[in-house]
Amino acid sequence: GGEAGPDLDEVAAAAGISAAELVALHTGGVHRVAMLGHLPG
């Protein structure tokens, strides 16, 4: 959020949840690196 995440509130609103709930969702599970690309690393 804030300057670091300027789209946080907009994404949360689109998902029908609060910003805090979005952060909890995004940090609550394991992310898996599927590939590297577009930019180095």
PDB file of all heavy atoms in Angstrom:
ATOM      1  N   GLY A   1       0.791  -1.220   0.000  1.00  0.00           N
ATOM      2  CA  GLY A   1       0.000   0.000   0.000  1.00  0.00           C
ATOM      3  C   GLY A   1       0.825   1.271   0.000  1.00  0.00           C
ATOM      4  O   GLY A   1       2.053   1.254  -0.033  1.00  0.00           O
ATOM      5  N   GLY A   2       0.119   2.410   0.038  1.00  0.00           N
ATOM      6  CA  GLY A   2       0.777   3.707   0.052  1.00  0.00           C
ATOM      7  C   GLY A   2       1.589   3.941  -1.210  1.00  0.00           C
ATOM      8  O   GLY A   2       1.251   3.467  -2.294  1.00  0.00           O
ATOM      9  N   GLU A   3       2.688   4.638  -1.069  1.00  0.00           N
ATOM     10  CA  GLU A   3       3.564   4.915  -2.209  1.00  0.00           C
ATOM     11  C   GLU A   3       4.140   3.625  -2.795  1.00  0.00           C
ATOM     12  O   GLU A   3       4.379   3.534  -4.003  1.00  0.00           O
ATOM     13  CB  GLU A   3       4.694   5.848  -1.762  1.00  0.00           C
ATOM     14  CG  GLU A   3       5.649   6.239  -2.885  1.00  0.00           C
ATOM     15  CD  GLU A   3       6.797   7.109  -2.402  1.00  0.00           C
ATOM     16  OE1 GLU A   3       6.754   7.559  -1.242  1.00  0.00           O
ATOM     17  OE2 GLU A   3       7.740   7.321  -3.187  1.00  0.00           O
ATOM     18  N   ALA A   4       4.351   2.622  -1.937  1.00  0.00           N
ATOM     19  CA  ALA A   4       4.923   1.361  -2.401  1.00  0.00           C
ATOM     20  C   ALA A   4       3.933   0.540  -3.221  1.00  0.00           C
ATOM     21  O   ALA A   4       4.334  -0.214  -4.109  1.00  0.00           O
ATOM     22  CB  ALA A   4       5.412   0.540  -1.205  1.00  0.00           C
ATOM     23  N   GLY A   5       2.639   0.673  -2.921  1.00  0.00           N
ATOM     24  CA  GLY A   5       1.618  -0.114  -3.609  1.00  0.00           C
ATOM     25  C   GLY A   5       0.414   0.719  -3.962  1.00  0.00           C
ATOM     26  O   GLY A   5      -0.670   0.567  -3.372  1.00  0.00           O
ATOM     27  N   PRO A   6       0.537   1.613  -4.940  1.00  0.00           N
ATOM     28  CA  PRO A   6      -0.539   2.563  -5.235  1.00  0.00           C
ATOM     29  C   PRO A   6      -1.823   1.945  -5.778  1.00  0.00           C
ATOM     30  O   PRO A   6      -2.865   2.609  -5.787  1.00  0.00           O
ATOM     31  CB  PRO A   6       0.104   3.492  -6.283  1.00  0.00           C
ATOM     32  CG  PRO A   6       1.205   2.683  -6.903  1.00  0.00           C
ATOM     33  CD  PRO A   6       1.717   1.826  -5.791  1.00  0.00           C
ATOM     34  N   ASP A   7      -1.775   0.695  -6.214  1.00  0.00           N
ATOM     35  CA  ASP A   7      -2.979   0.058  -6.758  1.00  0.00           C
ATOM     36  C   ASP A   7      -3.670  -0.868  -5.754  1.00  0.00           C
ATOM     37  O   ASP A   7      -4.653  -1.531  -6.108  1.00  0.00           O
ATOM     38  CB  ASP A   7      -2.629  -0.753  -8.014  1.00  0.00           C
ATOM     39  CG  ASP A   7      -2.078   0.115  -9.128  1.00  0.00           C
ATOM     40  OD1 ASP A   7      -2.536   1.261  -9.261  1.00  0.00           O
ATOM     41  OD2 ASP A   7      -1.172  -0.347  -9.859  1.00  0.00           O
ATOM     42  N   LEU A   8      -3.169  -0.942  -4.533  1.00  0.00           N
ATOM     43  CA  LEU A   8      -3.702  -1.892  -3.559  1.00  0.00           C
ATOM     44  C   LEU A   8      -5.203  -1.694  -3.327  1.00  0.00           C
ATOM     45  O   LEU A   8      -5.983  -2.648  -3.388  1.00  0.00           O
ATOM     46  CB  LEU A   8      -2.950  -1.760  -2.236  1.00  0.00           C
ATOM     47  CG  LEU A   8      -3.446  -2.667  -1.099  1.00  0.00           C
ATOM     48  CD1 LEU A   8      -3.168  -4.129  -1.410  1.00  0.00           C
ATOM     49  CD2 LEU A   8      -2.788  -2.280   0.229  1.00  0.00           C
ATOM     50  N   ASP A   9      -5.622  -0.462  -3.057  1.00  0.00           N
ATOM     51  CA  ASP A   9      -7.032  -0.207  -2.750  1.00  0.00           C
ATOM     52  C   ASP A   9      -7.924  -0.516  -3.952  1.00  0.00           C
ATOM     53  O   ASP A   9      -9.021  -1.070  -3.794  1.00  0.00           O
ATOM     54  CB  ASP A   9      -7.219   1.246  -2.312  1.00  0.00           C
ATOM     55  CG  ASP A   9      -6.587   1.539  -0.953  1.00  0.00           C
ATOM     56  OD1 ASP A   9      -6.404   0.586  -0.173  1.00  0.00           O
ATOM     57  OD2 ASP A   9      -6.268   2.715  -0.685  1.00  0.00           O
ATOM     58  N   GLU A  10      -7.465  -0.188  -5.139  1.00  0.00           N
ATOM     59  CA  GLU A  10      -8.259  -0.426  -6.351  1.00  0.00           C
ATOM     60  C   GLU A  10      -8.438  -1.920  -6.605  1.00  0.00           C
ATOM     61  O   GLU A  10      -9.532  -2.377  -6.950  1.00  0.00           O
ATOM     62  CB  GLU A  10      -7.583   0.235  -7.545  1.00  0.00           C
ATOM     63  CG  GLU A  10      -8.366   0.101  -8.836  1.00  0.00           C
ATOM     64  CD  GLU A  10      -7.665   0.771 -10.009  1.00  0.00           C
ATOM     65  OE1 GLU A  10      -6.689   1.515  -9.785  1.00  0.00           O
ATOM     66  OE2 GLU A  10      -8.087   0.537 -11.154  1.00  0.00           O
ATOM     67  N   VAL A  11      -7.374  -2.683  -6.424  1.00  0.00           N
ATOM     68  CA  VAL A  11      -7.458  -4.133  -6.626  1.00  0.00           C
ATOM     69  C   VAL A  11      -8.365  -4.762  -5.569  1.00  0.00           C
ATOM     70  O   VAL A  11      -9.166  -5.651  -5.870  1.00  0.00           O
ATOM     71  CB  VAL A  11      -6.054  -4.775  -6.587  1.00  0.00           C
ATOM     72  CG1 VAL A  11      -6.143  -6.302  -6.641  1.00  0.00           C
ATOM     73  CG2 VAL A  11      -5.205  -4.271  -7.753  1.00  0.00           C
ATOM     74  N   ALA A  12      -8.255  -4.286  -4.332  1.00  0.00           N
ATOM     75  CA  ALA A  12      -9.104  -4.806  -3.258  1.00  0.00           C
ATOM     76  C   ALA A  12     -10.577  -4.516  -3.552  1.00  0.00           C
ATOM     77  O   ALA A  12     -11.438  -5.392  -3.384  1.00  0.00           O
ATOM     78  CB  ALA A  12      -8.695  -4.194  -1.924  1.00  0.00           C
ATOM     79  N   ALA A  13     -10.880  -3.298  -3.996  1.00  0.00           N
ATOM     80  CA  ALA A  13     -12.264  -2.935  -4.308  1.00  0.00           C
ATOM     81  C   ALA A  13     -12.813  -3.811  -5.430  1.00  0.00           C
ATOM     82  O   ALA A  13     -13.968  -4.252  -5.383  1.00  0.00           O
ATOM     83  CB  ALA A  13     -12.337  -1.463  -4.687  1.00  0.00           C
ATOM     84  N   ALA A  14     -11.999  -4.079  -6.444  1.00  0.00           N
ATOM     85  CA  ALA A  14     -12.441  -4.916  -7.561  1.00  0.00           C
ATOM     86  C   ALA A  14     -12.723  -6.342  -7.102  1.00  0.00           C
ATOM     87  O   ALA A  14     -13.592  -7.031  -7.656  1.00  0.00           O
ATOM     88  CB  ALA A  14     -11.382  -4.921  -8.657  1.00  0.00           C
ATOM     89  N   ALA A  15     -12.000  -6.779  -6.070  1.00  0.00           N
ATOM     90  CA  ALA A  15     -12.190  -8.128  -5.538  1.00  0.00           C
ATOM     91  C   ALA A  15     -13.302  -8.182  -4.500  1.00  0.00           C
ATOM     92  O   ALA A  15     -13.662  -9.278  -4.037  1.00  0.00           O
ATOM     93  CB  ALA A  15     -10.886  -8.633  -4.932  1.00  0.00           C
ATOM     94  N   GLY A  16     -13.832  -7.026  -4.109  1.00  0.00           N
ATOM     95  CA  GLY A  16     -14.895  -6.980  -3.121  1.00  0.00           C
ATOM     96  C   GLY A  16     -14.435  -7.236  -1.701  1.00  0.00           C
ATOM     97  O   GLY A  16     -15.205  -7.715  -0.866  1.00  0.00           O
ATOM     98  N   ILE A  17     -13.175  -6.905  -1.418  1.00  0.00           N
ATOM     99  CA  ILE A  17     -12.618  -7.109  -0.082  1.00  0.00           C
ATOM    100  C   ILE A  17     -11.896  -5.841   0.347  1.00  0.00           C
ATOM    101  O   ILE A  17     -11.659  -4.933  -0.451  1.00  0.00           O
ATOM    102  CB  ILE A  17     -11.652  -8.305  -0.028  1.00  0.00           C
ATOM    103  CG1 ILE A  17     -10.510  -8.128  -1.041  1.00  0.00           C
ATOM    104  CG2 ILE A  17     -12.398  -9.614  -0.295  1.00  0.00           C
ATOM    105  CD1 ILE A  17      -9.496  -9.264  -1.041  1.00  0.00           C
ATOM    106  N   SER A  18     -11.522  -5.767   1.623  1.00  0.00           N
ATOM    107  CA  SER A  18     -10.774  -4.613   2.109  1.00  0.00           C
ATOM    108  C   SER A  18      -9.299  -4.755   1.745  1.00  0.00           C
ATOM    109  O   SER A  18      -8.830  -5.845   1.396  1.00  0.00           O
ATOM    110  CB  SER A  18     -10.913  -4.489   3.628  1.00  0.00           C
ATOM    111  OG  SER A  18     -10.240  -5.566   4.271  1.00  0.00           O
ATOM    112  N   ALA A  19      -8.562  -3.651   1.859  1.00  0.00           N
ATOM    113  CA  ALA A  19      -7.123  -3.698   1.591  1.00  0.00           C
ATOM    114  C   ALA A  19      -6.421  -4.658   2.547  1.00  0.00           C
ATOM    115  O   ALA A  19      -5.518  -5.410   2.152  1.00  0.00           O
ATOM    116  CB  ALA A  19      -6.526  -2.300   1.694  1.00  0.00           C
ATOM    117  N   ALA A  20      -6.848  -4.647   3.816  1.00  0.00           N
ATOM    118  CA  ALA A  20      -6.243  -5.554   4.801  1.00  0.00           C
ATOM    119  C   ALA A  20      -6.510  -7.009   4.441  1.00  0.00           C
ATOM    120  O   ALA A  20      -5.632  -7.876   4.600  1.00  0.00           O
ATOM    121  CB  ALA A  20      -6.781  -5.239   6.193  1.00  0.00           C
ATOM    122  N   GLU A  21      -7.714  -7.295   3.961  1.00  0.00           N
ATOM    123  CA  GLU A  21      -8.034  -8.666   3.562  1.00  0.00           C
ATOM    124  C   GLU A  21      -7.227  -9.081   2.340  1.00  0.00           C
ATOM    125  O   GLU A  21      -6.805 -10.239   2.221  1.00  0.00           O
ATOM    126  CB  GLU A  21      -9.530  -8.781   3.273  1.00  0.00           C
ATOM    127  CG  GLU A  21     -10.400  -8.715   4.525  1.00  0.00           C
ATOM    128  CD  GLU A  21     -11.878  -8.628   4.190  1.00  0.00           C
ATOM    129  OE1 GLU A  21     -12.242  -7.968   3.189  1.00  0.00           O
ATOM    130  OE2 GLU A  21     -12.686  -9.219   4.949  1.00  0.00           O
ATOM    131  N   LEU A  22      -6.995  -8.151   1.431  1.00  0.00           N
ATOM    132  CA  LEU A  22      -6.184  -8.464   0.260  1.00  0.00           C
ATOM    133  C   LEU A  22      -4.753  -8.795   0.660  1.00  0.00           C
ATOM    134  O   LEU A  22      -4.157  -9.755   0.151  1.00  0.00           O
ATOM    135  CB  LEU A  22      -6.204  -7.284  -0.714  1.00  0.00           C
ATOM    136  CG  LEU A  22      -5.288  -7.385  -1.937  1.00  0.00           C
ATOM    137  CD1 LEU A  22      -5.523  -8.672  -2.707  1.00  0.00           C
ATOM    138  CD2 LEU A  22      -5.467  -6.183  -2.844  1.00  0.00           C
ATOM    139  N   VAL A  23      -4.195  -8.007   1.563  1.00  0.00           N
ATOM    140  CA  VAL A  23      -2.834  -8.284   2.034  1.00  0.00           C
ATOM    141  C   VAL A  23      -2.769  -9.656   2.709  1.00  0.00           C
ATOM    142  O   VAL A  23      -1.843 -10.435   2.487  1.00  0.00           O
ATOM    143  CB  VAL A  23      -2.351  -7.186   2.997  1.00  0.00           C
ATOM    144  CG1 VAL A  23      -1.014  -7.571   3.625  1.00  0.00           C
ATOM    145  CG2 VAL A  23      -2.224  -5.852   2.263  1.00  0.00           C
ATOM    146  N   ALA A  24      -3.793  -9.959   3.517  1.00  0.00           N
ATOM    147  CA  ALA A  24      -3.827 -11.264   4.192  1.00  0.00           C
ATOM    148  C   ALA A  24      -3.909 -12.398   3.178  1.00  0.00           C
ATOM    149  O   ALA A  24      -3.260 -13.440   3.333  1.00  0.00           O
ATOM    150  CB  ALA A  24      -5.020 -11.326   5.146  1.00  0.00           C
ATOM    151  N   LEU A  25      -4.691 -12.203   2.129  1.00  0.00           N
ATOM    152  CA  LEU A  25      -4.805 -13.231   1.087  1.00  0.00           C
ATOM    153  C   LEU A  25      -3.478 -13.410   0.360  1.00  0.00           C
ATOM    154  O   LEU A  25      -3.029 -14.539   0.138  1.00  0.00           O
ATOM    155  CB  LEU A  25      -5.899 -12.821   0.094  1.00  0.00           C
ATOM    156  CG  LEU A  25      -6.232 -13.777  -1.067  1.00  0.00           C
ATOM    157  CD1 LEU A  25      -7.664 -13.553  -1.524  1.00  0.00           C
ATOM    158  CD2 LEU A  25      -5.300 -13.601  -2.265  1.00  0.00           C
ATOM    159  N   HIS A  26      -2.833 -12.292   0.021  1.00  0.00           N
ATOM    160  CA  HIS A  26      -1.611 -12.348  -0.782  1.00  0.00           C
ATOM    161  C   HIS A  26      -0.430 -12.903  -0.004  1.00  0.00           C
ATOM    162  O   HIS A  26       0.508 -13.459  -0.590  1.00  0.00           O
ATOM    163  CB  HIS A  26      -1.291 -10.951  -1.326  1.00  0.00           C
ATOM    164  CG  HIS A  26      -0.453 -10.955  -2.550  1.00  0.00           C
ATOM    165  ND1 HIS A  26       0.756 -10.302  -2.631  1.00  0.00           N
ATOM    166  CD2 HIS A  26      -0.635 -11.553  -3.757  1.00  0.00           C
ATOM    167  CE1 HIS A  26       1.262 -10.478  -3.832  1.00  0.00           C
ATOM    168  NE2 HIS A  26       0.446 -11.225  -4.540  1.00  0.00           N
ATOM    169  N   THR A  27      -0.456 -12.742   1.308  1.00  0.00           N
ATOM    170  CA  THR A  27       0.640 -13.254   2.146  1.00  0.00           C
ATOM    171  C   THR A  27       0.279 -14.576   2.819  1.00  0.00           C
ATOM    172  O   THR A  27       1.116 -15.169   3.507  1.00  0.00           O
ATOM    173  CB  THR A  27       1.013 -12.230   3.239  1.00  0.00           C
ATOM    174  OG1 THR A  27      -0.146 -11.955   4.040  1.00  0.00           O
ATOM    175  CG2 THR A  27       1.521 -10.937   2.624  1.00  0.00           C
ATOM    176  N   GLY A  28      -0.948 -15.037   2.623  1.00  0.00           N
ATOM    177  CA  GLY A  28      -1.412 -16.209   3.359  1.00  0.00           C
ATOM    178  C   GLY A  28      -1.118 -17.544   2.706  1.00  0.00           C
ATOM    179  O   GLY A  28      -1.381 -18.585   3.302  1.00  0.00           O
ATOM    180  N   GLY A  29      -0.604 -17.532   1.505  1.00  0.00           N
ATOM    181  CA  GLY A  29      -0.320 -18.792   0.819  1.00  0.00           C
ATOM    182  C   GLY A  29       1.077 -18.799   0.239  1.00  0.00           C
ATOM    183  O   GLY A  29       1.825 -17.819   0.321  1.00  0.00           O
ATOM    184  N   VAL A  30       1.425 -19.916  -0.370  1.00  0.00           N
ATOM    185  CA  VAL A  30       2.749 -20.079  -0.977  1.00  0.00           C
ATOM    186  C   VAL A  30       2.665 -19.717  -2.455  1.00  0.00           C
ATOM    187  O   VAL A  30       1.803 -20.192  -3.181  1.00  0.00           O
ATOM    188  CB  VAL A  30       3.252 -21.523  -0.818  1.00  0.00           C
ATOM    189  CG1 VAL A  30       4.602 -21.705  -1.513  1.00  0.00           C
ATOM    190  CG2 VAL A  30       3.358 -21.890   0.655  1.00  0.00           C
ATOM    191  N   HIS A  31       3.580 -18.876  -2.890  1.00  0.00           N
ATOM    192  CA  HIS A  31       3.722 -18.536  -4.299  1.00  0.00           C
ATOM    193  C   HIS A  31       4.792 -19.454  -4.903  1.00  0.00           C
ATOM    194  O   HIS A  31       5.786 -19.778  -4.245  1.00  0.00           O
ATOM    195  CB  HIS A  31       4.154 -17.083  -4.472  1.00  0.00           C
ATOM    196  CG  HIS A  31       3.212 -16.085  -3.869  1.00  0.00           C
ATOM    197  ND1 HIS A  31       2.344 -15.326  -4.616  1.00  0.00           N
ATOM    198  CD2 HIS A  31       3.009 -15.727  -2.570  1.00  0.00           C
ATOM    199  CE1 HIS A  31       1.650 -14.545  -3.824  1.00  0.00           C
ATOM    200  NE2 HIS A  31       2.029 -14.756  -2.569  1.00  0.00           N
ATOM    201  N   ARG A  32       4.599 -19.848  -6.143  1.00  0.00           N
ATOM    202  CA  ARG A  32       5.561 -20.718  -6.823  1.00  0.00           C
ATOM    203  C   ARG A  32       6.105 -20.007  -8.058  1.00  0.00           C
ATOM    204  O   ARG A  32       5.343 -19.430  -8.838  1.00  0.00           O
ATOM    205  CB  ARG A  32       4.875 -22.017  -7.255  1.00  0.00           C
ATOM    206  CG  ARG A  32       5.729 -22.940  -8.102  1.00  0.00           C
ATOM    207  CD  ARG A  32       6.681 -23.769  -7.289  1.00  0.00           C
ATOM    208  NE  ARG A  32       5.984 -24.779  -6.503  1.00  0.00           N
ATOM    209  CZ  ARG A  32       6.603 -25.741  -5.804  1.00  0.00           C
ATOM    210  NH1 ARG A  32       7.914 -25.793  -5.762  1.00  0.00           N
ATOM    211  NH2 ARG A  32       5.904 -26.603  -5.116  1.00  0.00           N
ATOM    212  N   VAL A  33       7.428 -20.013  -8.219  1.00  0.00           N
ATOM    213  CA  VAL A  33       8.038 -19.405  -9.403  1.00  0.00           C
ATOM    214  C   VAL A  33       7.780 -20.324 -10.594  1.00  0.00           C
ATOM    215  O   VAL A  33       8.316 -21.432 -10.665  1.00  0.00           O
ATOM    216  CB  VAL A  33       9.545 -19.201  -9.214  1.00  0.00           C
ATOM    217  CG1 VAL A  33      10.146 -18.557 -10.469  1.00  0.00           C
ATOM    218  CG2 VAL A  33       9.828 -18.333  -7.993  1.00  0.00           C
ATOM    219  N   ALA A  34       6.935 -19.870 -11.518  1.00  0.00           N
ATOM    220  CA  ALA A  34       6.620 -20.666 -12.701  1.00  0.00           C
ATOM    221  C   ALA A  34       7.660 -20.473 -13.786  1.00  0.00           C
ATOM    222  O   ALA A  34       7.992 -21.422 -14.518  1.00  0.00           O
ATOM    223  CB  ALA A  34       5.239 -20.284 -13.235  1.00  0.00           C
ATOM    224  N   MET A  35       8.176 -19.253 -13.901  1.00  0.00           N
ATOM    225  CA  MET A  35       9.166 -18.963 -14.947  1.00  0.00           C
ATOM    226  C   MET A  35       9.831 -17.627 -14.648  1.00  0.00           C
ATOM    227  O   MET A  35       9.374 -16.857 -13.799  1.00  0.00           O
ATOM    228  CB  MET A  35       8.493 -18.894 -16.322  1.00  0.00           C
ATOM    229  CG  MET A  35       7.463 -17.779 -16.462  1.00  0.00           C
ATOM    230  SD  MET A  35       6.847 -17.540 -18.152  1.00  0.00           S
ATOM    231  CE  MET A  35       8.241 -16.667 -18.894  1.00  0.00           C
ATOM    232  N   LEU A  36      10.928 -17.363 -15.351  1.00  0.00           N
ATOM    233  CA  LEU A  36      11.573 -16.061 -15.352  1.00  0.00           C
ATOM    234  C   LEU A  36      11.445 -15.497 -16.761  1.00  0.00           C
ATOM    235  O   LEU A  36      11.570 -16.228 -17.742  1.00  0.00           O
ATOM    236  CB  LEU A  36      13.057 -16.165 -14.970  1.00  0.00           C
ATOM    237  CG  LEU A  36      13.398 -16.797 -13.618  1.00  0.00           C
ATOM    238  CD1 LEU A  36      14.912 -16.823 -13.431  1.00  0.00           C
ATOM    239  CD2 LEU A  36      12.739 -16.055 -12.475  1.00  0.00           C
ATOM    240  N   GLY A  37      11.209 -14.171 -16.854  1.00  0.00           N
ATOM    241  CA  GLY A  37      11.100 -13.629 -18.190  1.00  0.00           C
ATOM    242  C   GLY A  37      10.786 -12.156 -18.204  1.00  0.00           C
ATOM    243  O   GLY A  37      10.632 -11.519 -17.152  1.00  0.00           O
ATOM    244  N   HIS A  38      10.692 -11.593 -19.405  1.00  0.00           N
ATOM    245  CA  HIS A  38      10.375 -10.193 -19.673  1.00  0.00           C
ATOM    246  C   HIS A  38      11.535  -9.281 -19.284  1.00  0.00           C
ATOM    247  O   HIS A  38      12.028  -8.503 -20.100  1.00  0.00           O
ATOM    248  CB  HIS A  38       9.085  -9.769 -18.976  1.00  0.00           C
ATOM    249  CG  HIS A  38       8.754  -8.315 -19.142  1.00  0.00           C
ATOM    250  ND1 HIS A  38       8.620  -7.720 -20.372  1.00  0.00           N
ATOM    251  CD2 HIS A  38       8.560  -7.332 -18.218  1.00  0.00           C
ATOM    252  CE1 HIS A  38       8.352  -6.437 -20.211  1.00  0.00           C
ATOM    253  NE2 HIS A  38       8.310  -6.171 -18.925  1.00  0.00           N
ATOM    254  N   LEU A  39      11.974  -9.350 -18.045  1.00  0.00           N
ATOM    255  CA  LEU A  39      13.148  -8.632 -17.573  1.00  0.00           C
ATOM    256  C   LEU A  39      14.082  -9.652 -16.931  1.00  0.00           C
ATOM    257  O   LEU A  39      13.634 -10.684 -16.446  1.00  0.00           O
ATOM    258  CB  LEU A  39      12.757  -7.572 -16.535  1.00  0.00           C
ATOM    259  CG  LEU A  39      11.870  -6.417 -17.016  1.00  0.00           C
ATOM    260  CD1 LEU A  39      11.361  -5.623 -15.814  1.00  0.00           C
ATOM    261  CD2 LEU A  39      12.631  -5.511 -17.974  1.00  0.00           C
ATOM    262  N   PRO A  40      15.389  -9.387 -16.899  1.00  0.00           N
ATOM    263  CA  PRO A  40      16.323 -10.342 -16.294  1.00  0.00           C
ATOM    264  C   PRO A  40      15.970 -10.636 -14.836  1.00  0.00           C
ATOM    265  O   PRO A  40      15.894  -9.726 -14.017  1.00  0.00           O
ATOM    266  CB  PRO A  40      17.678  -9.633 -16.398  1.00  0.00           C
ATOM    267  CG  PRO A  40      17.517  -8.677 -17.543  1.00  0.00           C
ATOM    268  CD  PRO A  40      16.093  -8.220 -17.479  1.00  0.00           C
ATOM    269  N   GLY A  41      15.714 -11.905 -14.534  1.00  0.00           N
ATOM    270  CA  GLY A  41      15.423 -12.305 -13.163  1.00  0.00           C
ATOM    271  C   GLY A  41      14.024 -12.029 -12.688  1.00  0.00           C
ATOM    272  O   GLY A  41      13.729 -12.216 -11.502  1.00  0.00           O
TER     273      GLY A  41
END
